Amino acid sequence: MNDSIYKRIEENPRFQELVAKRDRFAWILSAIMLGLYLAFILLIAFEPHLLGTPLSAGSSMTWGIPLGVGLILSAFVLTGIYVKRANGEFDRLNQAVLEEVQP
């Protein structure tokens, strides 16, 4: 591609909408993940006995294991949410921009 196509893409209102939506969505998902990690770390720091409490009487598994696994799984879920939206709405906007700027 040449510079004029890049310039038309950057000036296209749909491209600017795409960038704004994608950035906002990525920041929201990042904030959610950061909040979950922060909550887990604060739980470790201020209530460590809670994470060491067995799930049930006589169980060797503590609450820390499912909470830690849940935290890791939440990263996969949030990634899946982003991919689903990226492959849908963001790809449609991207295709519309490319169709508008093609000579």
PDB file of N, CA and C in Angstrom:
ATOM      1  N   MET A   1       0.841  -1.181   0.000  1.00  0.00           N
ATOM      2  CA  MET A   1       0.000   0.000   0.000  1.00  0.00           C
ATOM      3  C   MET A   1       0.884   1.240   0.000  1.00  0.00           C
ATOM      4  N   ASN A   2       0.323   2.292  -0.536  1.00  0.00           N
ATOM      5  CA  ASN A   2       1.105   3.520  -0.543  1.00  0.00           C
ATOM      6  C   ASN A   2       0.621   4.475   0.543  1.00  0.00           C
ATOM      7  N   ASP A   3       1.338   5.564   0.680  1.00  0.00           N
ATOM      8  CA  ASP A   3       1.056   6.505   1.768  1.00  0.00           C
ATOM      9  C   ASP A   3      -0.323   7.141   1.663  1.00  0.00           C
ATOM     10  N   SER A   4      -0.829   7.341   0.455  1.00  0.00           N
ATOM     11  CA  SER A   4      -2.143   7.990   0.309  1.00  0.00           C
ATOM     12  C   SER A   4      -3.249   7.093   0.870  1.00  0.00           C
ATOM     13  N   ILE A   5      -3.126   5.783   0.704  1.00  0.00           N
ATOM     14  CA  ILE A   5      -4.134   4.878   1.265  1.00  0.00           C
ATOM     15  C   ILE A   5      -4.071   4.908   2.792  1.00  0.00           C
ATOM     16  N   TYR A   6      -2.853   4.892   3.344  1.00  0.00           N
ATOM     17  CA  TYR A   6      -2.710   4.973   4.802  1.00  0.00           C
ATOM     18  C   TYR A   6      -3.336   6.264   5.330  1.00  0.00           C
ATOM     19  N   LYS A   7      -3.110   7.348   4.616  1.00  0.00           N
ATOM     20  CA  LYS A   7      -3.656   8.641   5.039  1.00  0.00           C
ATOM     21  C   LYS A   7      -5.179   8.617   4.982  1.00  0.00           C
ATOM     22  N   ARG A   8      -5.755   8.038   3.937  1.00  0.00           N
ATOM     23  CA  ARG A   8      -7.217   7.952   3.828  1.00  0.00           C
ATOM     24  C   ARG A   8      -7.789   7.071   4.941  1.00  0.00           C
ATOM     25  N   ILE A   9      -7.076   6.007   5.272  1.00  0.00           N
ATOM     26  CA  ILE A   9      -7.537   5.134   6.360  1.00  0.00           C
ATOM     27  C   ILE A   9      -7.540   5.897   7.678  1.00  0.00           C
ATOM     28  N   GLU A  10      -6.453   6.584   7.980  1.00  0.00           N
ATOM     29  CA  GLU A  10      -6.353   7.326   9.243  1.00  0.00           C
ATOM     30  C   GLU A  10      -7.397   8.432   9.352  1.00  0.00           C
ATOM     31  N   GLU A  11      -7.771   9.033   8.223  1.00  0.00           N
ATOM     32  CA  GLU A  11      -8.743  10.125   8.243  1.00  0.00           C
ATOM     33  C   GLU A  11     -10.184   9.632   8.181  1.00  0.00           C
ATOM     34  N   ASN A  12     -10.380   8.361   7.920  1.00  0.00           N
ATOM     35  CA  ASN A  12     -11.719   7.803   7.786  1.00  0.00           C
ATOM     36  C   ASN A  12     -12.428   7.783   9.144  1.00  0.00           C
ATOM     37  N   PRO A  13     -13.658   8.321   9.203  1.00  0.00           N
ATOM     38  CA  PRO A  13     -14.391   8.346  10.487  1.00  0.00           C
ATOM     39  C   PRO A  13     -14.671   6.943  11.041  1.00  0.00           C
ATOM     40  N   ARG A  14     -14.911   5.986  10.171  1.00  0.00           N
ATOM     41  CA  ARG A  14     -15.154   4.617  10.648  1.00  0.00           C
ATOM     42  C   ARG A  14     -13.892   4.019  11.263  1.00  0.00           C
ATOM     43  N   PHE A  15     -12.741   4.349  10.710  1.00  0.00           N
ATOM     44  CA  PHE A  15     -11.488   3.858  11.288  1.00  0.00           C
ATOM     45  C   PHE A  15     -11.283   4.461  12.668  1.00  0.00           C
ATOM     46  N   GLN A  16     -11.565   5.747  12.799  1.00  0.00           N
ATOM     47  CA  GLN A  16     -11.432   6.401  14.097  1.00  0.00           C
ATOM     48  C   GLN A  16     -12.414   5.813  15.106  1.00  0.00           C
ATOM     49  N   GLU A  17     -13.617   5.476  14.636  1.00  0.00           N
ATOM     50  CA  GLU A  17     -14.602   4.813  15.498  1.00  0.00           C
ATOM     51  C   GLU A  17     -14.097   3.434  15.920  1.00  0.00           C
ATOM     52  N   LEU A  18     -13.533   2.698  14.980  1.00  0.00           N
ATOM     53  CA  LEU A  18     -12.990   1.365  15.264  1.00  0.00           C
ATOM     54  C   LEU A  18     -11.896   1.441  16.324  1.00  0.00           C
ATOM     55  N   VAL A  19     -10.972   2.348  16.145  1.00  0.00           N
ATOM     56  CA  VAL A  19      -9.859   2.485  17.084  1.00  0.00           C
ATOM     57  C   VAL A  19     -10.377   2.869  18.472  1.00  0.00           C
ATOM     58  N   ALA A  20     -11.320   3.797  18.520  1.00  0.00           N
ATOM     59  CA  ALA A  20     -11.862   4.239  19.808  1.00  0.00           C
ATOM     60  C   ALA A  20     -12.592   3.094  20.516  1.00  0.00           C
ATOM     61  N   LYS A  21     -13.442   2.372  19.780  1.00  0.00           N
ATOM     62  CA  LYS A  21     -14.185   1.263  20.384  1.00  0.00           C
ATOM     63  C   LYS A  21     -13.246   0.159  20.855  1.00  0.00           C
ATOM     64  N   ARG A  22     -12.293  -0.181  20.008  1.00  0.00           N
ATOM     65  CA  ARG A  22     -11.365  -1.265  20.350  1.00  0.00           C
ATOM     66  C   ARG A  22     -10.523  -0.888  21.563  1.00  0.00           C
ATOM     67  N   ASP A  23     -10.019   0.323  21.591  1.00  0.00           N
ATOM     68  CA  ASP A  23      -9.208   0.764  22.731  1.00  0.00           C
ATOM     69  C   ASP A  23     -10.014   0.788  24.025  1.00  0.00           C
ATOM     70  N   ARG A  24     -11.231   1.330  23.951  1.00  0.00           N
ATOM     71  CA  ARG A  24     -12.074   1.413  25.143  1.00  0.00           C
ATOM     72  C   ARG A  24     -12.391   0.007  25.673  1.00  0.00           C
ATOM     73  N   PHE A  25     -12.739  -0.898  24.777  1.00  0.00           N
ATOM     74  CA  PHE A  25     -13.074  -2.262  25.180  1.00  0.00           C
ATOM     75  C   PHE A  25     -11.866  -2.972  25.782  1.00  0.00           C
ATOM     76  N   ALA A  26     -10.701  -2.796  25.163  1.00  0.00           N
ATOM     77  CA  ALA A  26      -9.480  -3.426  25.683  1.00  0.00           C
ATOM     78  C   ALA A  26      -9.136  -2.874  27.065  1.00  0.00           C
ATOM     79  N   TRP A  27      -9.303  -1.587  27.264  1.00  0.00           N
ATOM     80  CA  TRP A  27      -9.014  -0.998  28.578  1.00  0.00           C
ATOM     81  C   TRP A  27      -9.992  -1.483  29.641  1.00  0.00           C
ATOM     82  N   ILE A  28     -11.259  -1.640  29.265  1.00  0.00           N
ATOM     83  CA  ILE A  28     -12.250  -2.143  30.224  1.00  0.00           C
ATOM     84  C   ILE A  28     -11.899  -3.566  30.652  1.00  0.00           C
ATOM     85  N   LEU A  29     -11.599  -4.422  29.682  1.00  0.00           N
ATOM     86  CA  LEU A  29     -11.242  -5.801  30.019  1.00  0.00           C
ATOM     87  C   LEU A  29      -9.948  -5.852  30.830  1.00  0.00           C
ATOM     88  N   SER A  30      -8.994  -5.000  30.496  1.00  0.00           N
ATOM     89  CA  SER A  30      -7.749  -4.946  31.265  1.00  0.00           C
ATOM     90  C   SER A  30      -8.002  -4.503  32.707  1.00  0.00           C
ATOM     91  N   ALA A  31      -8.883  -3.521  32.871  1.00  0.00           N
ATOM     92  CA  ALA A  31      -9.210  -3.047  34.226  1.00  0.00           C
ATOM     93  C   ALA A  31      -9.905  -4.142  35.038  1.00  0.00           C
ATOM     94  N   ILE A  32     -10.774  -4.901  34.389  1.00  0.00           N
ATOM     95  CA  ILE A  32     -11.441  -6.014  35.081  1.00  0.00           C
ATOM     96  C   ILE A  32     -10.401  -7.028  35.546  1.00  0.00           C
ATOM     97  N   MET A  33      -9.494  -7.400  34.660  1.00  0.00           N
ATOM     98  CA  MET A  33      -8.467  -8.394  35.021  1.00  0.00           C
ATOM     99  C   MET A  33      -7.565  -7.859  36.122  1.00  0.00           C
ATOM    100  N   LEU A  34      -7.167  -6.602  36.009  1.00  0.00           N
ATOM    101  CA  LEU A  34      -6.333  -5.994  37.042  1.00  0.00           C
ATOM    102  C   LEU A  34      -7.063  -5.961  38.381  1.00  0.00           C
ATOM    103  N   GLY A  35      -8.354  -5.647  38.352  1.00  0.00           N
ATOM    104  CA  GLY A  35      -9.143  -5.632  39.576  1.00  0.00           C
ATOM    105  C   GLY A  35      -9.223  -7.010  40.228  1.00  0.00           C
ATOM    106  N   LEU A  36      -9.400  -8.039  39.402  1.00  0.00           N
ATOM    107  CA  LEU A  36      -9.442  -9.402  39.939  1.00  0.00           C
ATOM    108  C   LEU A  36      -8.109  -9.784  40.571  1.00  0.00           C
ATOM    109  N   TYR A  37      -7.008  -9.490  39.883  1.00  0.00           N
ATOM    110  CA  TYR A  37      -5.689  -9.789  40.448  1.00  0.00           C
ATOM    111  C   TYR A  37      -5.437  -8.989  41.720  1.00  0.00           C
ATOM    112  N   LEU A  38      -5.813  -7.735  41.711  1.00  0.00           N
ATOM    113  CA  LEU A  38      -5.619  -6.899  42.898  1.00  0.00           C
ATOM    114  C   LEU A  38      -6.414  -7.446  44.078  1.00  0.00           C
ATOM    115  N   ALA A  39      -7.658  -7.845  43.825  1.00  0.00           N
ATOM    116  CA  ALA A  39      -8.477  -8.419  44.890  1.00  0.00           C
ATOM    117  C   ALA A  39      -7.839  -9.690  45.445  1.00  0.00           C
ATOM    118  N   PHE A  40      -7.307 -10.525  44.567  1.00  0.00           N
ATOM    119  CA  PHE A  40      -6.658 -11.764  45.006  1.00  0.00           C
ATOM    120  C   PHE A  40      -5.419 -11.458  45.848  1.00  0.00           C
ATOM    121  N   ILE A  41      -4.600 -10.528  45.401  1.00  0.00           N
ATOM    122  CA  ILE A  41      -3.385 -10.162  46.146  1.00  0.00           C
ATOM    123  C   ILE A  41      -3.741  -9.534  47.487  1.00  0.00           C
ATOM    124  N   LEU A  42      -4.756  -8.680  47.512  1.00  0.00           N
ATOM    125  CA  LEU A  42      -5.182  -8.085  48.779  1.00  0.00           C
ATOM    126  C   LEU A  42      -5.737  -9.145  49.726  1.00  0.00           C
ATOM    127  N   LEU A  43      -6.415 -10.130  49.179  1.00  0.00           N
ATOM    128  CA  LEU A  43      -6.908 -11.238  49.990  1.00  0.00           C
ATOM    129  C   LEU A  43      -5.741 -12.016  50.596  1.00  0.00           C
ATOM    130  N   ILE A  44      -4.711 -12.245  49.797  1.00  0.00           N
ATOM    131  CA  ILE A  44      -3.516 -12.925  50.303  1.00  0.00           C
ATOM    132  C   ILE A  44      -2.850 -12.089  51.402  1.00  0.00           C
ATOM    133  N   ALA A  45      -2.801 -10.788  51.189  1.00  0.00           N
ATOM    134  CA  ALA A  45      -2.109  -9.909  52.137  1.00  0.00           C
ATOM    135  C   ALA A  45      -2.860  -9.734  53.448  1.00  0.00           C
ATOM    136  N   PHE A  46      -4.183  -9.591  53.375  1.00  0.00           N
ATOM    137  CA  PHE A  46      -4.932  -9.220  54.578  1.00  0.00           C
ATOM    138  C   PHE A  46      -5.790 -10.339  55.177  1.00  0.00           C
ATOM    139  N   GLU A  47      -6.072 -11.384  54.433  1.00  0.00           N
ATOM    140  CA  GLU A  47      -6.869 -12.501  54.944  1.00  0.00           C
ATOM    141  C   GLU A  47      -6.269 -13.840  54.508  1.00  0.00           C
ATOM    142  N   PRO A  48      -4.987 -14.066  54.785  1.00  0.00           N
ATOM    143  CA  PRO A  48      -4.359 -15.301  54.303  1.00  0.00           C
ATOM    144  C   PRO A  48      -4.976 -16.558  54.910  1.00  0.00           C
ATOM    145  N   HIS A  49      -5.498 -16.453  56.117  1.00  0.00           N
ATOM    146  CA  HIS A  49      -6.111 -17.631  56.749  1.00  0.00           C
ATOM    147  C   HIS A  49      -7.349 -18.107  55.976  1.00  0.00           C
ATOM    148  N   LEU A  50      -8.042 -17.173  55.304  1.00  0.00           N
ATOM    149  CA  LEU A  50      -9.214 -17.546  54.514  1.00  0.00           C
ATOM    150  C   LEU A  50      -8.820 -18.462  53.354  1.00  0.00           C
ATOM    151  N   LEU A  51      -7.718 -18.144  52.696  1.00  0.00           N
ATOM    152  CA  LEU A  51      -7.262 -18.967  51.572  1.00  0.00           C
ATOM    153  C   LEU A  51      -6.743 -20.317  52.047  1.00  0.00           C
ATOM    154  N   GLY A  52      -6.331 -20.396  53.293  1.00  0.00           N
ATOM    155  CA  GLY A  52      -5.829 -21.645  53.849  1.00  0.00           C
ATOM    156  C   GLY A  52      -6.899 -22.509  54.495  1.00  0.00           C
ATOM    157  N   THR A  53      -8.132 -22.025  54.495  1.00  0.00           N
ATOM    158  CA  THR A  53      -9.234 -22.783  55.081  1.00  0.00           C
ATOM    159  C   THR A  53      -9.640 -23.918  54.151  1.00  0.00           C
ATOM    160  N   PRO A  54      -9.755 -25.130  54.671  1.00  0.00           N
ATOM    161  CA  PRO A  54     -10.186 -26.259  53.825  1.00  0.00           C
ATOM    162  C   PRO A  54     -11.595 -26.037  53.266  1.00  0.00           C
ATOM    163  N   LEU A  55     -11.828 -26.576  52.072  1.00  0.00           N
ATOM    164  CA  LEU A  55     -13.150 -26.449  51.447  1.00  0.00           C
ATOM    165  C   LEU A  55     -14.235 -27.114  52.285  1.00  0.00           C
ATOM    166  N   SER A  56     -13.905 -28.247  52.874  1.00  0.00           N
ATOM    167  CA  SER A  56     -14.855 -28.941  53.748  1.00  0.00           C
ATOM    168  C   SER A  56     -14.065 -29.663  54.836  1.00  0.00           C
ATOM    169  N   ALA A  57     -14.751 -30.128  55.832  1.00  0.00           N
ATOM    170  CA  ALA A  57     -14.075 -30.830  56.917  1.00  0.00           C
ATOM    171  C   ALA A  57     -13.378 -32.077  56.384  1.00  0.00           C
ATOM    172  N   GLY A  58     -12.117 -32.231  56.717  1.00  0.00           N
ATOM    173  CA  GLY A  58     -11.344 -33.381  56.281  1.00  0.00           C
ATOM    174  C   GLY A  58     -10.765 -33.248  54.880  1.00  0.00           C
ATOM    175  N   SER A  59     -11.038 -32.151  54.195  1.00  0.00           N
ATOM    176  CA  SER A  59     -10.516 -31.953  52.836  1.00  0.00           C
ATOM    177  C   SER A  59      -9.104 -31.389  52.902  1.00  0.00           C
ATOM    178  N   SER A  60      -8.258 -31.838  52.003  1.00  0.00           N
ATOM    179  CA  SER A  60      -6.906 -31.286  51.954  1.00  0.00           C
ATOM    180  C   SER A  60      -6.832 -30.092  51.009  1.00  0.00           C
ATOM    181  N   MET A  61      -7.882 -29.856  50.231  1.00  0.00           N
ATOM    182  CA  MET A  61      -7.903 -28.707  49.319  1.00  0.00           C
ATOM    183  C   MET A  61      -8.436 -27.489  50.051  1.00  0.00           C
ATOM    184  N   THR A  62      -7.730 -26.384  49.900  1.00  0.00           N
ATOM    185  CA  THR A  62      -8.134 -25.146  50.557  1.00  0.00           C
ATOM    186  C   THR A  62      -8.820 -24.225  49.553  1.00  0.00           C
ATOM    187  N   TRP A  63      -9.405 -23.153  50.080  1.00  0.00           N
ATOM    188  CA  TRP A  63     -10.090 -22.182  49.236  1.00  0.00           C
ATOM    189  C   TRP A  63      -9.131 -21.475  48.273  1.00  0.00           C
ATOM    190  N   GLY A  64      -7.869 -21.447  48.581  1.00  0.00           N
ATOM    191  CA  GLY A  64      -6.896 -20.781  47.710  1.00  0.00           C
ATOM    192  C   GLY A  64      -6.766 -21.431  46.339  1.00  0.00           C
ATOM    193  N   ILE A  65      -6.904 -22.759  46.282  1.00  0.00           N
ATOM    194  CA  ILE A  65      -6.758 -23.470  45.004  1.00  0.00           C
ATOM    195  C   ILE A  65      -7.871 -23.089  44.026  1.00  0.00           C
ATOM    196  N   PRO A  66      -9.156 -23.243  44.372  1.00  0.00           N
ATOM    197  CA  PRO A  66     -10.183 -22.873  43.390  1.00  0.00           C
ATOM    198  C   PRO A  66     -10.201 -21.382  43.068  1.00  0.00           C
ATOM    199  N   LEU A  67      -9.858 -20.539  44.044  1.00  0.00           N
ATOM    200  CA  LEU A  67      -9.802 -19.109  43.755  1.00  0.00           C
ATOM    201  C   LEU A  67      -8.672 -18.782  42.777  1.00  0.00           C
ATOM    202  N   GLY A  68      -7.514 -19.409  42.972  1.00  0.00           N
ATOM    203  CA  GLY A  68      -6.394 -19.198  42.052  1.00  0.00           C
ATOM    204  C   GLY A  68      -6.689 -19.715  40.651  1.00  0.00           C
ATOM    205  N   VAL A  69      -7.290 -20.902  40.587  1.00  0.00           N
ATOM    206  CA  VAL A  69      -7.662 -21.462  39.285  1.00  0.00           C
ATOM    207  C   VAL A  69      -8.729 -20.587  38.622  1.00  0.00           C
ATOM    208  N   GLY A  70      -9.666 -20.112  39.417  1.00  0.00           N
ATOM    209  CA  GLY A  70     -10.700 -19.222  38.885  1.00  0.00           C
ATOM    210  C   GLY A  70     -10.122 -17.937  38.327  1.00  0.00           C
ATOM    211  N   LEU A  71      -9.111 -17.420  38.987  1.00  0.00           N
ATOM    212  CA  LEU A  71      -8.444 -16.216  38.502  1.00  0.00           C
ATOM    213  C   LEU A  71      -7.784 -16.471  37.155  1.00  0.00           C
ATOM    214  N   ILE A  72      -7.110 -17.591  37.027  1.00  0.00           N
ATOM    215  CA  ILE A  72      -6.464 -17.938  35.759  1.00  0.00           C
ATOM    216  C   ILE A  72      -7.521 -18.153  34.678  1.00  0.00           C
ATOM    217  N   LEU A  73      -8.598 -18.855  35.011  1.00  0.00           N
ATOM    218  CA  LEU A  73      -9.660 -19.090  34.030  1.00  0.00           C
ATOM    219  C   LEU A  73     -10.342 -17.795  33.605  1.00  0.00           C
ATOM    220  N   SER A  74     -10.427 -16.836  34.526  1.00  0.00           N
ATOM    221  CA  SER A  74     -11.041 -15.554  34.166  1.00  0.00           C
ATOM    222  C   SER A  74     -10.247 -14.848  33.072  1.00  0.00           C
ATOM    223  N   ALA A  75      -8.933 -15.025  33.060  1.00  0.00           N
ATOM    224  CA  ALA A  75      -8.121 -14.440  31.990  1.00  0.00           C
ATOM    225  C   ALA A  75      -8.493 -15.058  30.646  1.00  0.00           C
ATOM    226  N   PHE A  76      -8.709 -16.376  30.627  1.00  0.00           N
ATOM    227  CA  PHE A  76      -9.117 -17.042  29.390  1.00  0.00           C
ATOM    228  C   PHE A  76     -10.505 -16.586  28.948  1.00  0.00           C
ATOM    229  N   VAL A  77     -11.411 -16.434  29.902  1.00  0.00           N
ATOM    230  CA  VAL A  77     -12.769 -15.993  29.577  1.00  0.00           C
ATOM    231  C   VAL A  77     -12.750 -14.584  29.000  1.00  0.00           C
ATOM    232  N   LEU A  78     -12.019 -13.675  29.627  1.00  0.00           N
ATOM    233  CA  LEU A  78     -11.938 -12.302  29.129  1.00  0.00           C
ATOM    234  C   LEU A  78     -11.284 -12.255  27.752  1.00  0.00           C
ATOM    235  N   THR A  79     -10.285 -13.098  27.533  1.00  0.00           N
ATOM    236  CA  THR A  79      -9.665 -13.172  26.211  1.00  0.00           C
ATOM    237  C   THR A  79     -10.673 -13.664  25.182  1.00  0.00           C
ATOM    238  N   GLY A  80     -11.458 -14.669  25.549  1.00  0.00           N
ATOM    239  CA  GLY A  80     -12.490 -15.173  24.644  1.00  0.00           C
ATOM    240  C   GLY A  80     -13.528 -14.114  24.308  1.00  0.00           C
ATOM    241  N   ILE A  81     -13.909 -13.321  25.299  1.00  0.00           N
ATOM    242  CA  ILE A  81     -14.862 -12.233  25.069  1.00  0.00           C
ATOM    243  C   ILE A  81     -14.282 -11.232  24.073  1.00  0.00           C
ATOM    244  N   TYR A  82     -13.013 -10.889  24.248  1.00  0.00           N
ATOM    245  CA  TYR A  82     -12.377  -9.941  23.329  1.00  0.00           C
ATOM    246  C   TYR A  82     -12.322 -10.526  21.914  1.00  0.00           C
ATOM    247  N   VAL A  83     -11.916 -11.781  21.792  1.00  0.00           N
ATOM    248  CA  VAL A  83     -11.795 -12.412  20.474  1.00  0.00           C
ATOM    249  C   VAL A  83     -13.149 -12.469  19.780  1.00  0.00           C
ATOM    250  N   LYS A  84     -14.202 -12.786  20.538  1.00  0.00           N
ATOM    251  CA  LYS A  84     -15.546 -12.857  19.944  1.00  0.00           C
ATOM    252  C   LYS A  84     -15.950 -11.499  19.384  1.00  0.00           C
ATOM    253  N   ARG A  85     -15.719 -10.456  20.132  1.00  0.00           N
ATOM    254  CA  ARG A  85     -16.083  -9.117  19.651  1.00  0.00           C
ATOM    255  C   ARG A  85     -15.163  -8.667  18.514  1.00  0.00           C
ATOM    256  N   ALA A  86     -13.891  -9.007  18.617  1.00  0.00           N
ATOM    257  CA  ALA A  86     -12.946  -8.629  17.554  1.00  0.00           C
ATOM    258  C   ALA A  86     -13.299  -9.313  16.245  1.00  0.00           C
ATOM    259  N   ASN A  87     -13.691 -10.580  16.319  1.00  0.00           N
ATOM    260  CA  ASN A  87     -14.037 -11.309  15.099  1.00  0.00           C
ATOM    261  C   ASN A  87     -15.407 -10.916  14.559  1.00  0.00           C
ATOM    262  N   GLY A  88     -16.194 -10.215  15.337  1.00  0.00           N
ATOM    263  CA  GLY A  88     -17.511  -9.779  14.892  1.00  0.00           C
ATOM    264  C   GLY A  88     -17.516  -8.308  14.532  1.00  0.00           C
ATOM    265  N   GLU A  89     -17.796  -7.492  15.516  1.00  0.00           N
ATOM    266  CA  GLU A  89     -17.966  -6.053  15.289  1.00  0.00           C
ATOM    267  C   GLU A  89     -16.706  -5.388  14.747  1.00  0.00           C
ATOM    268  N   PHE A  90     -15.562  -5.682  15.340  1.00  0.00           N
ATOM    269  CA  PHE A  90     -14.342  -5.002  14.916  1.00  0.00           C
ATOM    270  C   PHE A  90     -13.939  -5.396  13.501  1.00  0.00           C
ATOM    271  N   ASP A  91     -14.109  -6.658  13.140  1.00  0.00           N
ATOM    272  CA  ASP A  91     -13.790  -7.084  11.775  1.00  0.00           C
ATOM    273  C   ASP A  91     -14.734  -6.456  10.755  1.00  0.00           C
ATOM    274  N   ARG A  92     -16.020  -6.319  11.120  1.00  0.00           N
ATOM    275  CA  ARG A  92     -16.968  -5.673  10.202  1.00  0.00           C
ATOM    276  C   ARG A  92     -16.588  -4.213   9.980  1.00  0.00           C
ATOM    277  N   LEU A  93     -16.252  -3.507  11.046  1.00  0.00           N
ATOM    278  CA  LEU A  93     -15.819  -2.115  10.900  1.00  0.00           C
ATOM    279  C   LEU A  93     -14.543  -2.020  10.068  1.00  0.00           C
ATOM    280  N   ASN A  94     -13.620  -2.916  10.310  1.00  0.00           N
ATOM    281  CA  ASN A  94     -12.360  -2.936   9.565  1.00  0.00           C
ATOM    282  C   ASN A  94     -12.627  -3.150   8.070  1.00  0.00           C
ATOM    283  N   GLN A  95     -13.503  -4.084   7.753  1.00  0.00           N
ATOM    284  CA  GLN A  95     -13.825  -4.367   6.349  1.00  0.00           C
ATOM    285  C   GLN A  95     -14.500  -3.164   5.692  1.00  0.00           C
ATOM    286  N   ALA A  96     -15.385  -2.501   6.428  1.00  0.00           N
ATOM    287  CA  ALA A  96     -16.054  -1.312   5.896  1.00  0.00           C
ATOM    288  C   ALA A  96     -15.050  -0.207   5.587  1.00  0.00           C
ATOM    289  N   VAL A  97     -14.077  -0.034   6.461  1.00  0.00           N
ATOM    290  CA  VAL A  97     -13.045   0.992   6.221  1.00  0.00           C
ATOM    291  C   VAL A  97     -12.249   0.632   4.974  1.00  0.00           C
ATOM    292  N   LEU A  98     -11.839  -0.608   4.868  1.00  0.00           N
ATOM    293  CA  LEU A  98     -11.055  -1.011   3.689  1.00  0.00           C
ATOM    294  C   LEU A  98     -11.833  -0.845   2.390  1.00  0.00           C
ATOM    295  N   GLU A  99     -13.120  -1.143   2.403  1.00  0.00           N
ATOM    296  CA  GLU A  99     -13.940  -0.971   1.197  1.00  0.00           C
ATOM    297  C   GLU A  99     -14.063   0.486   0.813  1.00  0.00           C
ATOM    298  N   GLU A 100     -14.134   1.367   1.816  1.00  0.00           N
ATOM    299  CA  GLU A 100     -14.280   2.808   1.535  1.00  0.00           C
ATOM    300  C   GLU A 100     -13.005   3.430   0.980  1.00  0.00           C
ATOM    301  N   VAL A 101     -11.857   2.951   1.381  1.00  0.00           N
ATOM    302  CA  VAL A 101     -10.612   3.612   0.985  1.00  0.00           C
ATOM    303  C   VAL A 101      -9.941   2.972  -0.240  1.00  0.00           C
ATOM    304  N   GLN A 102     -10.438   1.829  -0.674  1.00  0.00           N
ATOM    305  CA  GLN A 102      -9.838   1.192  -1.861  1.00  0.00           C
ATOM    306  C   GLN A 102     -10.109   2.058  -3.080  1.00  0.00           C
ATOM    307  N   PRO A 103      -9.081   2.230  -3.925  1.00  0.00           N
ATOM    308  CA  PRO A 103      -9.278   3.080  -5.125  1.00  0.00           C
ATOM    309  C   PRO A 103     -10.145   2.391  -6.164  1.00  0.00           C
TER     310      PRO A 103
END
